[in-house]
Amino acid sequence: MKRGDLYRVYRGLKYDPKNYRVVLVVSRQEVVDNDFSMVICAPVYSKYGGLRTQVEVGVDEGLKHDSAVYCDELASVEKTALTDFIGSLPNDKMEAVNAALRIALAVG
């Protein structure tokens, strides 16, 4: 598991009405590699609202259709729930995610 990986999770987000949701691992790699049982993820939705805290992703990243990573809706997800690997974001998309996270968290 790496930062920038996309996974399909079953009921990984408690507030989510969908049974399955794609999430992006955004925890720093040292947390991912540690014994912590959870990582921080950003959900992926099929709608893109044009906010600076959303990053467009799609078929090139292994998804079925155009979607967006929502950096305003971070959630802790059990590592054991992250078993259905979809793909990884390329460096340019992760740079966009990093910028969106800085905006969402009002840091830097």
PDB file of N, CA and C in Angstrom:
ATOM      1  N   MET A   1       0.852  -1.179   0.000  1.00  0.00           N
ATOM      2  CA  MET A   1       0.000   0.000   0.000  1.00  0.00           C
ATOM      3  C   MET A   1       0.897   1.242   0.000  1.00  0.00           C
ATOM      4  N   LYS A   2       0.502   2.217  -0.824  1.00  0.00           N
ATOM      5  CA  LYS A   2       1.281   3.454  -0.918  1.00  0.00           C
ATOM      6  C   LYS A   2       0.361   4.663  -0.917  1.00  0.00           C
ATOM      7  N   ARG A   3       0.924   5.776  -0.510  1.00  0.00           N
ATOM      8  CA  ARG A   3       0.218   7.050  -0.648  1.00  0.00           C
ATOM      9  C   ARG A   3      -0.012   7.268  -2.141  1.00  0.00           C
ATOM     10  N   GLY A   4      -1.239   7.625  -2.499  1.00  0.00           N
ATOM     11  CA  GLY A   4      -1.574   7.832  -3.901  1.00  0.00           C
ATOM     12  C   GLY A   4      -2.266   6.645  -4.545  1.00  0.00           C
ATOM     13  N   ASP A   5      -2.430   5.559  -3.775  1.00  0.00           N
ATOM     14  CA  ASP A   5      -3.134   4.389  -4.295  1.00  0.00           C
ATOM     15  C   ASP A   5      -4.641   4.566  -4.188  1.00  0.00           C
ATOM     16  N   LEU A   6      -5.349   4.041  -5.178  1.00  0.00           N
ATOM     17  CA  LEU A   6      -6.812   4.040  -5.193  1.00  0.00           C
ATOM     18  C   LEU A   6      -7.313   2.635  -4.859  1.00  0.00           C
ATOM     19  N   TYR A   7      -8.300   2.570  -3.971  1.00  0.00           N
ATOM     20  CA  TYR A   7      -8.915   1.306  -3.585  1.00  0.00           C
ATOM     21  C   TYR A   7     -10.424   1.439  -3.613  1.00  0.00           C
ATOM     22  N   ARG A   8     -11.100   0.349  -3.938  1.00  0.00           N
ATOM     23  CA  ARG A   8     -12.555   0.274  -3.806  1.00  0.00           C
ATOM     24  C   ARG A   8     -12.818  -0.378  -2.458  1.00  0.00           C
ATOM     25  N   VAL A   9     -13.572   0.296  -1.601  1.00  0.00           N
ATOM     26  CA  VAL A   9     -13.853  -0.244  -0.266  1.00  0.00           C
ATOM     27  C   VAL A   9     -15.345  -0.494  -0.106  1.00  0.00           C
ATOM     28  N   TYR A  10     -15.655  -1.515   0.664  1.00  0.00           N
ATOM     29  CA  TYR A  10     -17.042  -1.840   0.989  1.00  0.00           C
ATOM     30  C   TYR A  10     -17.380  -1.184   2.316  1.00  0.00           C
ATOM     31  N   ARG A  11     -18.294  -0.250   2.259  1.00  0.00           N
ATOM     32  CA  ARG A  11     -18.737   0.478   3.452  1.00  0.00           C
ATOM     33  C   ARG A  11     -17.573   0.981   4.306  1.00  0.00           C
ATOM     34  N   GLY A  12     -16.562   1.483   3.611  1.00  0.00           N
ATOM     35  CA  GLY A  12     -15.390   2.004   4.314  1.00  0.00           C
ATOM     36  C   GLY A  12     -15.617   3.351   4.959  1.00  0.00           C
ATOM     37  N   LEU A  13     -16.612   4.084   4.468  1.00  0.00           N
ATOM     38  CA  LEU A  13     -16.927   5.399   5.013  1.00  0.00           C
ATOM     39  C   LEU A  13     -18.293   5.321   5.676  1.00  0.00           C
ATOM     40  N   LYS A  14     -18.337   5.481   6.948  1.00  0.00           N
ATOM     41  CA  LYS A  14     -19.566   5.249   7.721  1.00  0.00           C
ATOM     42  C   LYS A  14     -20.746   6.117   7.287  1.00  0.00           C
ATOM     43  N   TYR A  15     -20.475   7.316   6.841  1.00  0.00           N
ATOM     44  CA  TYR A  15     -21.545   8.247   6.468  1.00  0.00           C
ATOM     45  C   TYR A  15     -22.015   8.064   5.026  1.00  0.00           C
ATOM     46  N   ASP A  16     -21.360   7.186   4.274  1.00  0.00           N
ATOM     47  CA  ASP A  16     -21.619   7.050   2.847  1.00  0.00           C
ATOM     48  C   ASP A  16     -22.811   6.131   2.591  1.00  0.00           C
ATOM     49  N   PRO A  17     -23.807   6.582   1.832  1.00  0.00           N
ATOM     50  CA  PRO A  17     -24.965   5.741   1.542  1.00  0.00           C
ATOM     51  C   PRO A  17     -24.682   4.605   0.546  1.00  0.00           C
ATOM     52  N   LYS A  18     -23.562   4.687  -0.187  1.00  0.00           N
ATOM     53  CA  LYS A  18     -23.232   3.646  -1.164  1.00  0.00           C
ATOM     54  C   LYS A  18     -22.543   2.473  -0.484  1.00  0.00           C
ATOM     55  N   ASN A  19     -22.769   1.286  -1.029  1.00  0.00           N
ATOM     56  CA  ASN A  19     -22.103   0.100  -0.489  1.00  0.00           C
ATOM     57  C   ASN A  19     -20.609   0.117  -0.797  1.00  0.00           C
ATOM     58  N   TYR A  20     -20.261   0.576  -1.998  1.00  0.00           N
ATOM     59  CA  TYR A  20     -18.856   0.627  -2.394  1.00  0.00           C
ATOM     60  C   TYR A  20     -18.465   2.049  -2.729  1.00  0.00           C
ATOM     61  N   ARG A  21     -17.241   2.404  -2.382  1.00  0.00           N
ATOM     62  CA  ARG A  21     -16.723   3.736  -2.674  1.00  0.00           C
ATOM     63  C   ARG A  21     -15.238   3.599  -3.003  1.00  0.00           C
ATOM     64  N   VAL A  22     -14.776   4.340  -3.982  1.00  0.00           N
ATOM     65  CA  VAL A  22     -13.351   4.408  -4.272  1.00  0.00           C
ATOM     66  C   VAL A  22     -12.758   5.493  -3.382  1.00  0.00           C
ATOM     67  N   VAL A  23     -11.602   5.184  -2.800  1.00  0.00           N
ATOM     68  CA  VAL A  23     -10.901   6.153  -1.950  1.00  0.00           C
ATOM     69  C   VAL A  23      -9.448   6.238  -2.384  1.00  0.00           C
ATOM     70  N   LEU A  24      -8.844   7.372  -2.091  1.00  0.00           N
ATOM     71  CA  LEU A  24      -7.431   7.616  -2.366  1.00  0.00           C
ATOM     72  C   LEU A  24      -6.691   7.702  -1.039  1.00  0.00           C
ATOM     73  N   VAL A  25      -5.638   6.929  -0.875  1.00  0.00           N
ATOM     74  CA  VAL A  25      -4.822   6.990   0.338  1.00  0.00           C
ATOM     75  C   VAL A  25      -4.005   8.281   0.306  1.00  0.00           C
ATOM     76  N   VAL A  26      -4.177   9.128   1.342  1.00  0.00           N
ATOM     77  CA  VAL A  26      -3.452  10.400   1.398  1.00  0.00           C
ATOM     78  C   VAL A  26      -2.555  10.522   2.633  1.00  0.00           C
ATOM     79  N   SER A  27      -2.586   9.536   3.512  1.00  0.00           N
ATOM     80  CA  SER A  27      -1.663   9.549   4.661  1.00  0.00           C
ATOM     81  C   SER A  27      -0.234   9.549   4.156  1.00  0.00           C
ATOM     82  N   ARG A  28       0.668  10.169   4.929  1.00  0.00           N
ATOM     83  CA  ARG A  28       2.078  10.139   4.542  1.00  0.00           C
ATOM     84  C   ARG A  28       2.583   8.700   4.618  1.00  0.00           C
ATOM     85  N   GLN A  29       3.583   8.397   3.803  1.00  0.00           N
ATOM     86  CA  GLN A  29       4.026   7.017   3.639  1.00  0.00           C
ATOM     87  C   GLN A  29       4.506   6.379   4.940  1.00  0.00           C
ATOM     88  N   GLU A  30       5.124   7.164   5.820  1.00  0.00           N
ATOM     89  CA  GLU A  30       5.606   6.577   7.076  1.00  0.00           C
ATOM     90  C   GLU A  30       4.452   6.082   7.944  1.00  0.00           C
ATOM     91  N   VAL A  31       3.277   6.687   7.829  1.00  0.00           N
ATOM     92  CA  VAL A  31       2.095   6.199   8.549  1.00  0.00           C
ATOM     93  C   VAL A  31       1.564   4.932   7.873  1.00  0.00           C
ATOM     94  N   VAL A  32       1.560   4.929   6.558  1.00  0.00           N
ATOM     95  CA  VAL A  32       1.090   3.762   5.817  1.00  0.00           C
ATOM     96  C   VAL A  32       1.952   2.544   6.161  1.00  0.00           C
ATOM     97  N   ASP A  33       3.262   2.745   6.254  1.00  0.00           N
ATOM     98  CA  ASP A  33       4.203   1.658   6.520  1.00  0.00           C
ATOM     99  C   ASP A  33       4.255   1.253   7.989  1.00  0.00           C
ATOM    100  N   ASN A  34       3.665   2.034   8.877  1.00  0.00           N
ATOM    101  CA  ASN A  34       3.721   1.794  10.317  1.00  0.00           C
ATOM    102  C   ASN A  34       2.689   0.755  10.734  1.00  0.00           C
ATOM    103  N   ASP A  35       2.651   0.471  12.018  1.00  0.00           N
ATOM    104  CA  ASP A  35       1.698  -0.497  12.572  1.00  0.00           C
ATOM    105  C   ASP A  35       0.325   0.107  12.842  1.00  0.00           C
ATOM    106  N   PHE A  36       0.129   1.375  12.530  1.00  0.00           N
ATOM    107  CA  PHE A  36      -1.186   1.971  12.717  1.00  0.00           C
ATOM    108  C   PHE A  36      -2.217   1.169  11.926  1.00  0.00           C
ATOM    109  N   SER A  37      -3.399   1.006  12.482  1.00  0.00           N
ATOM    110  CA  SER A  37      -4.423   0.199  11.815  1.00  0.00           C
ATOM    111  C   SER A  37      -5.223   0.987  10.785  1.00  0.00           C
ATOM    112  N   MET A  38      -5.092   2.317  10.806  1.00  0.00           N
ATOM    113  CA  MET A  38      -5.900   3.146   9.910  1.00  0.00           C
ATOM    114  C   MET A  38      -5.020   4.096   9.112  1.00  0.00           C
ATOM    115  N   VAL A  39      -5.551   4.506   7.958  1.00  0.00           N
ATOM    116  CA  VAL A  39      -4.918   5.538   7.141  1.00  0.00           C
ATOM    117  C   VAL A  39      -5.987   6.571   6.783  1.00  0.00           C
ATOM    118  N   ILE A  40      -5.537   7.753   6.436  1.00  0.00           N
ATOM    119  CA  ILE A  40      -6.468   8.799   6.015  1.00  0.00           C
ATOM    120  C   ILE A  40      -6.656   8.693   4.506  1.00  0.00           C
ATOM    121  N   CYS A  41      -7.916   8.740   4.092  1.00  0.00           N
ATOM    122  CA  CYS A  41      -8.268   8.625   2.678  1.00  0.00           C
ATOM    123  C   CYS A  41      -9.198   9.760   2.277  1.00  0.00           C
ATOM    124  N   ALA A  42      -9.160  10.073   0.988  1.00  0.00           N
ATOM    125  CA  ALA A  42     -10.090  11.035   0.402  1.00  0.00           C
ATOM    126  C   ALA A  42     -11.025  10.247  -0.518  1.00  0.00           C
ATOM    127  N   PRO A  43     -12.335  10.468  -0.397  1.00  0.00           N
ATOM    128  CA  PRO A  43     -13.269   9.740  -1.256  1.00  0.00           C
ATOM    129  C   PRO A  43     -13.240  10.247  -2.693  1.00  0.00           C
ATOM    130  N   VAL A  44     -13.627   9.371  -3.598  1.00  0.00           N
ATOM    131  CA  VAL A  44     -13.732   9.713  -5.016  1.00  0.00           C
ATOM    132  C   VAL A  44     -15.206   9.637  -5.394  1.00  0.00           C
ATOM    133  N   TYR A  45     -15.712  10.727  -5.963  1.00  0.00           N
ATOM    134  CA  TYR A  45     -17.104  10.800  -6.384  1.00  0.00           C
ATOM    135  C   TYR A  45     -17.172  10.989  -7.890  1.00  0.00           C
ATOM    136  N   SER A  46     -18.295  10.591  -8.480  1.00  0.00           N
ATOM    137  CA  SER A  46     -18.451  10.711  -9.931  1.00  0.00           C
ATOM    138  C   SER A  46     -18.789  12.129 -10.372  1.00  0.00           C
ATOM    139  N   LYS A  47     -19.087  12.992  -9.418  1.00  0.00           N
ATOM    140  CA  LYS A  47     -19.401  14.386  -9.760  1.00  0.00           C
ATOM    141  C   LYS A  47     -18.201  15.272  -9.446  1.00  0.00           C
ATOM    142  N   TYR A  48     -17.989  16.243 -10.314  1.00  0.00           N
ATOM    143  CA  TYR A  48     -16.928  17.230 -10.125  1.00  0.00           C
ATOM    144  C   TYR A  48     -17.579  18.587 -10.038  1.00  0.00           C
ATOM    145  N   GLY A  49     -17.411  19.255  -8.896  1.00  0.00           N
ATOM    146  CA  GLY A  49     -18.061  20.539  -8.675  1.00  0.00           C
ATOM    147  C   GLY A  49     -17.217  21.744  -9.028  1.00  0.00           C
ATOM    148  N   GLY A  50     -15.973  21.516  -9.454  1.00  0.00           N
ATOM    149  CA  GLY A  50     -15.117  22.625  -9.851  1.00  0.00           C
ATOM    150  C   GLY A  50     -14.447  23.348  -8.705  1.00  0.00           C
ATOM    151  N   LEU A  51     -14.519  22.790  -7.493  1.00  0.00           N
ATOM    152  CA  LEU A  51     -13.867  23.425  -6.345  1.00  0.00           C
ATOM    153  C   LEU A  51     -12.363  23.199  -6.401  1.00  0.00           C
ATOM    154  N   ARG A  52     -11.606  24.103  -5.788  1.00  0.00           N
ATOM    155  CA  ARG A  52     -10.148  23.963  -5.764  1.00  0.00           C
ATOM    156  C   ARG A  52      -9.695  22.811  -4.874  1.00  0.00           C
ATOM    157  N   THR A  53     -10.607  22.262  -4.088  1.00  0.00           N
ATOM    158  CA  THR A  53     -10.288  21.131  -3.223  1.00  0.00           C
ATOM    159  C   THR A  53     -10.656  19.793  -3.863  1.00  0.00           C
ATOM    160  N   GLN A  54     -11.022  19.832  -5.125  1.00  0.00           N
ATOM    161  CA  GLN A  54     -11.357  18.620  -5.869  1.00  0.00           C
ATOM    162  C   GLN A  54     -10.352  18.442  -7.009  1.00  0.00           C
ATOM    163  N   VAL A  55      -9.955  17.203  -7.244  1.00  0.00           N
ATOM    164  CA  VAL A  55      -8.998  16.891  -8.303  1.00  0.00           C
ATOM    165  C   VAL A  55      -9.635  15.876  -9.249  1.00  0.00           C
ATOM    166  N   GLU A  56      -9.671  16.228 -10.519  1.00  0.00           N
ATOM    167  CA  GLU A  56     -10.270  15.337 -11.512  1.00  0.00           C
ATOM    168  C   GLU A  56      -9.394  14.108 -11.754  1.00  0.00           C
ATOM    169  N   VAL A  57     -10.044  12.945 -11.788  1.00  0.00           N
ATOM    170  CA  VAL A  57      -9.394  11.673 -12.108  1.00  0.00           C
ATOM    171  C   VAL A  57     -10.337  10.907 -13.034  1.00  0.00           C
ATOM    172  N   GLY A  58      -9.842   9.828 -13.617  1.00  0.00           N
ATOM    173  CA  GLY A  58     -10.715   9.093 -14.527  1.00  0.00           C
ATOM    174  C   GLY A  58     -10.132   7.791 -15.017  1.00  0.00           C
ATOM    175  N   VAL A  59     -10.433   7.478 -16.260  1.00  0.00           N
ATOM    176  CA  VAL A  59     -10.059   6.206 -16.857  1.00  0.00           C
ATOM    177  C   VAL A  59      -8.541   5.999 -16.842  1.00  0.00           C
ATOM    178  N   ASP A  60      -7.781   7.058 -17.050  1.00  0.00           N
ATOM    179  CA  ASP A  60      -6.318   6.952 -17.051  1.00  0.00           C
ATOM    180  C   ASP A  60      -5.774   6.460 -15.712  1.00  0.00           C
ATOM    181  N   GLU A  61      -6.531   6.673 -14.651  1.00  0.00           N
ATOM    182  CA  GLU A  61      -6.111   6.243 -13.316  1.00  0.00           C
ATOM    183  C   GLU A  61      -6.741   4.906 -12.908  1.00  0.00           C
ATOM    184  N   GLY A  62      -7.449   4.265 -13.829  1.00  0.00           N
ATOM    185  CA  GLY A  62      -8.030   2.957 -13.561  1.00  0.00           C
ATOM    186  C   GLY A  62      -9.495   2.968 -13.182  1.00  0.00           C
ATOM    187  N   LEU A  63     -10.123   4.143 -13.216  1.00  0.00           N
ATOM    188  CA  LEU A  63     -11.539   4.247 -12.869  1.00  0.00           C
ATOM    189  C   LEU A  63     -12.412   3.974 -14.094  1.00  0.00           C
ATOM    190  N   LYS A  64     -13.678   3.681 -13.851  1.00  0.00           N
ATOM    191  CA  LYS A  64     -14.603   3.372 -14.946  1.00  0.00           C
ATOM    192  C   LYS A  64     -15.057   4.610 -15.693  1.00  0.00           C
ATOM    193  N   HIS A  65     -15.067   5.769 -15.006  1.00  0.00           N
ATOM    194  CA  HIS A  65     -15.530   7.004 -15.635  1.00  0.00           C
ATOM    195  C   HIS A  65     -14.875   8.196 -14.955  1.00  0.00           C
ATOM    196  N   ASP A  66     -15.062   9.358 -15.557  1.00  0.00           N
ATOM    197  CA  ASP A  66     -14.498  10.580 -14.987  1.00  0.00           C
ATOM    198  C   ASP A  66     -15.077  10.815 -13.605  1.00  0.00           C
ATOM    199  N   SER A  67     -14.215  11.206 -12.689  1.00  0.00           N
ATOM    200  CA  SER A  67     -14.594  11.386 -11.288  1.00  0.00           C
ATOM    201  C   SER A  67     -13.736  12.483 -10.691  1.00  0.00           C
ATOM    202  N   ALA A  68     -13.837  12.662  -9.377  1.00  0.00           N
ATOM    203  CA  ALA A  68     -13.027  13.659  -8.689  1.00  0.00           C
ATOM    204  C   ALA A  68     -12.706  13.191  -7.275  1.00  0.00           C
ATOM    205  N   VAL A  69     -11.474  13.468  -6.839  1.00  0.00           N
ATOM    206  CA  VAL A  69     -11.062  13.233  -5.459  1.00  0.00           C
ATOM    207  C   VAL A  69     -11.524  14.440  -4.655  1.00  0.00           C
ATOM    208  N   TYR A  70     -12.264  14.199  -3.586  1.00  0.00           N
ATOM    209  CA  TYR A  70     -12.784  15.269  -2.734  1.00  0.00           C
ATOM    210  C   TYR A  70     -11.900  15.413  -1.502  1.00  0.00           C
ATOM    211  N   CYS A  71     -11.013  16.380  -1.523  1.00  0.00           N
ATOM    212  CA  CYS A  71     -10.068  16.573  -0.419  1.00  0.00           C
ATOM    213  C   CYS A  71     -10.691  17.263   0.788  1.00  0.00           C
ATOM    214  N   ASP A  72     -11.935  17.701   0.679  1.00  0.00           N
ATOM    215  CA  ASP A  72     -12.648  18.295   1.813  1.00  0.00           C
ATOM    216  C   ASP A  72     -13.359  17.246   2.660  1.00  0.00           C
ATOM    217  N   GLU A  73     -13.341  15.988   2.257  1.00  0.00           N
ATOM    218  CA  GLU A  73     -14.108  14.951   2.957  1.00  0.00           C
ATOM    219  C   GLU A  73     -13.215  13.800   3.412  1.00  0.00           C
ATOM    220  N   LEU A  74     -12.112  14.125   4.051  1.00  0.00           N
ATOM    221  CA  LEU A  74     -11.167  13.109   4.503  1.00  0.00           C
ATOM    222  C   LEU A  74     -11.785  12.208   5.561  1.00  0.00           C
ATOM    223  N   ALA A  75     -11.359  10.947   5.551  1.00  0.00           N
ATOM    224  CA  ALA A  75     -11.880   9.976   6.513  1.00  0.00           C
ATOM    225  C   ALA A  75     -10.788   8.972   6.862  1.00  0.00           C
ATOM    226  N   SER A  76     -10.830   8.467   8.089  1.00  0.00           N
ATOM    227  CA  SER A  76      -9.945   7.387   8.501  1.00  0.00           C
ATOM    228  C   SER A  76     -10.558   6.068   8.059  1.00  0.00           C
ATOM    229  N   VAL A  77      -9.746   5.234   7.433  1.00  0.00           N
ATOM    230  CA  VAL A  77     -10.211   3.940   6.930  1.00  0.00           C
ATOM    231  C   VAL A  77      -9.266   2.859   7.444  1.00  0.00           C
ATOM    232  N   GLU A  78      -9.834   1.756   7.888  1.00  0.00           N
ATOM    233  CA  GLU A  78      -9.031   0.612   8.330  1.00  0.00           C
ATOM    234  C   GLU A  78      -8.198   0.085   7.157  1.00  0.00           C
ATOM    235  N   LYS A  79      -6.928  -0.149   7.413  1.00  0.00           N
ATOM    236  CA  LYS A  79      -6.071  -0.697   6.364  1.00  0.00           C
ATOM    237  C   LYS A  79      -6.605  -2.029   5.848  1.00  0.00           C
ATOM    238  N   THR A  80      -7.199  -2.800   6.735  1.00  0.00           N
ATOM    239  CA  THR A  80      -7.708  -4.116   6.332  1.00  0.00           C
ATOM    240  C   THR A  80      -8.858  -4.014   5.334  1.00  0.00           C
ATOM    241  N   ALA A  81      -9.492  -2.835   5.239  1.00  0.00           N
ATOM    242  CA  ALA A  81     -10.581  -2.630   4.275  1.00  0.00           C
ATOM    243  C   ALA A  81     -10.048  -2.323   2.879  1.00  0.00           C
ATOM    244  N   LEU A  82      -8.773  -2.000   2.789  1.00  0.00           N
ATOM    245  CA  LEU A  82      -8.178  -1.598   1.511  1.00  0.00           C
ATOM    246  C   LEU A  82      -7.550  -2.812   0.827  1.00  0.00           C
ATOM    247  N   THR A  83      -8.397  -3.621   0.211  1.00  0.00           N
ATOM    248  CA  THR A  83      -7.930  -4.847  -0.436  1.00  0.00           C
ATOM    249  C   THR A  83      -8.187  -4.858  -1.941  1.00  0.00           C
ATOM    250  N   ASP A  84      -9.121  -4.053  -2.423  1.00  0.00           N
ATOM    251  CA  ASP A  84      -9.483  -4.050  -3.840  1.00  0.00           C
ATOM    252  C   ASP A  84      -8.752  -2.906  -4.548  1.00  0.00           C
ATOM    253  N   PHE A  85      -7.484  -3.155  -4.897  1.00  0.00           N
ATOM    254  CA  PHE A  85      -6.622  -2.140  -5.507  1.00  0.00           C
ATOM    255  C   PHE A  85      -7.096  -1.824  -6.921  1.00  0.00           C
ATOM    256  N   ILE A  86      -7.152  -0.517  -7.228  1.00  0.00           N
ATOM    257  CA  ILE A  86      -7.571  -0.064  -8.559  1.00  0.00           C
ATOM    258  C   ILE A  86      -6.387   0.453  -9.360  1.00  0.00           C
ATOM    259  N   GLY A  87      -5.565   1.283  -8.735  1.00  0.00           N
ATOM    260  CA  GLY A  87      -4.431   1.878  -9.430  1.00  0.00           C
ATOM    261  C   GLY A  87      -3.793   2.942  -8.568  1.00  0.00           C
ATOM    262  N   SER A  88      -2.834   3.632  -9.133  1.00  0.00           N
ATOM    263  CA  SER A  88      -2.126   4.699  -8.423  1.00  0.00           C
ATOM    264  C   SER A  88      -2.178   5.979  -9.247  1.00  0.00           C
ATOM    265  N   LEU A  89      -2.233   7.107  -8.564  1.00  0.00           N
ATOM    266  CA  LEU A  89      -2.219   8.384  -9.271  1.00  0.00           C
ATOM    267  C   LEU A  89      -0.796   8.715  -9.707  1.00  0.00           C
ATOM    268  N   PRO A  90      -0.635   9.266 -10.904  1.00  0.00           N
ATOM    269  CA  PRO A  90       0.696   9.704 -11.346  1.00  0.00           C
ATOM    270  C   PRO A  90       1.131  10.941 -10.562  1.00  0.00           C
ATOM    271  N   ASN A  91       2.411  11.261 -10.664  1.00  0.00           N
ATOM    272  CA  ASN A  91       2.982  12.381  -9.891  1.00  0.00           C
ATOM    273  C   ASN A  91       2.246  13.699 -10.103  1.00  0.00           C
ATOM    274  N   ASP A  92       1.859  14.012 -11.345  1.00  0.00           N
ATOM    275  CA  ASP A  92       1.193  15.292 -11.585  1.00  0.00           C
ATOM    276  C   ASP A  92      -0.164  15.360 -10.878  1.00  0.00           C
ATOM    277  N   LYS A  93      -0.879  14.243 -10.823  1.00  0.00           N
ATOM    278  CA  LYS A  93      -2.168  14.231 -10.109  1.00  0.00           C
ATOM    279  C   LYS A  93      -1.945  14.335  -8.604  1.00  0.00           C
ATOM    280  N   MET A  94      -0.888  13.677  -8.093  1.00  0.00           N
ATOM    281  CA  MET A  94      -0.610  13.751  -6.656  1.00  0.00           C
ATOM    282  C   MET A  94      -0.183  15.163  -6.261  1.00  0.00           C
ATOM    283  N   GLU A  95       0.512  15.855  -7.139  1.00  0.00           N
ATOM    284  CA  GLU A  95       0.848  17.254  -6.872  1.00  0.00           C
ATOM    285  C   GLU A  95      -0.432  18.081  -6.770  1.00  0.00           C
ATOM    286  N   ALA A  96      -1.396  17.813  -7.641  1.00  0.00           N
ATOM    287  CA  ALA A  96      -2.683  18.511  -7.588  1.00  0.00           C
ATOM    288  C   ALA A  96      -3.432  18.147  -6.305  1.00  0.00           C
ATOM    289  N   VAL A  97      -3.375  16.874  -5.885  1.00  0.00           N
ATOM    290  CA  VAL A  97      -4.000  16.453  -4.624  1.00  0.00           C
ATOM    291  C   VAL A  97      -3.332  17.169  -3.453  1.00  0.00           C
ATOM    292  N   ASN A  98      -2.006  17.244  -3.456  1.00  0.00           N
ATOM    293  CA  ASN A  98      -1.293  17.942  -2.380  1.00  0.00           C
ATOM    294  C   ASN A  98      -1.732  19.399  -2.286  1.00  0.00           C
ATOM    295  N   ALA A  99      -1.864  20.057  -3.416  1.00  0.00           N
ATOM    296  CA  ALA A  99      -2.319  21.457  -3.428  1.00  0.00           C
ATOM    297  C   ALA A  99      -3.747  21.562  -2.910  1.00  0.00           C
ATOM    298  N   ALA A 100      -4.620  20.637  -3.321  1.00  0.00           N
ATOM    299  CA  ALA A 100      -6.007  20.643  -2.863  1.00  0.00           C
ATOM    300  C   ALA A 100      -6.092  20.376  -1.363  1.00  0.00           C
ATOM    301  N   LEU A 101      -5.258  19.484  -0.845  1.00  0.00           N
ATOM    302  CA  LEU A 101      -5.221  19.219   0.598  1.00  0.00           C
ATOM    303  C   LEU A 101      -4.765  20.456   1.374  1.00  0.00           C
ATOM    304  N   ARG A 102      -3.772  21.183   0.855  1.00  0.00           N
ATOM    305  CA  ARG A 102      -3.323  22.410   1.528  1.00  0.00           C
ATOM    306  C   ARG A 102      -4.465  23.425   1.599  1.00  0.00           C
ATOM    307  N   ILE A 103      -5.242  23.529   0.546  1.00  0.00           N
ATOM    308  CA  ILE A 103      -6.380  24.445   0.541  1.00  0.00           C
ATOM    309  C   ILE A 103      -7.452  23.956   1.516  1.00  0.00           C
ATOM    310  N   ALA A 104      -7.772  22.669   1.447  1.00  0.00           N
ATOM    311  CA  ALA A 104      -8.828  22.113   2.292  1.00  0.00           C
ATOM    312  C   ALA A 104      -8.508  22.238   3.778  1.00  0.00           C
ATOM    313  N   LEU A 105      -7.228  22.081   4.114  1.00  0.00           N
ATOM    314  CA  LEU A 105      -6.815  22.129   5.516  1.00  0.00           C
ATOM    315  C   LEU A 105      -6.297  23.494   5.942  1.00  0.00           C
ATOM    316  N   ALA A 106      -6.287  24.438   5.010  1.00  0.00           N
ATOM    317  CA  ALA A 106      -5.839  25.807   5.275  1.00  0.00           C
ATOM    318  C   ALA A 106      -4.423  25.828   5.860  1.00  0.00           C
ATOM    319  N   VAL A 107      -3.532  25.059   5.215  1.00  0.00           N
ATOM    320  CA  VAL A 107      -2.113  25.054   5.612  1.00  0.00           C
ATOM    321  C   VAL A 107      -1.267  25.435   4.423  1.00  0.00           C
ATOM    322  N   GLY A 108      -0.192  26.144   4.688  1.00  0.00           N
ATOM    323  CA  GLY A 108       0.757  26.520   3.629  1.00  0.00           C
ATOM    324  C   GLY A 108       0.155  27.419   2.658  1.00  0.00           C
TER     325      GLY A 108
END
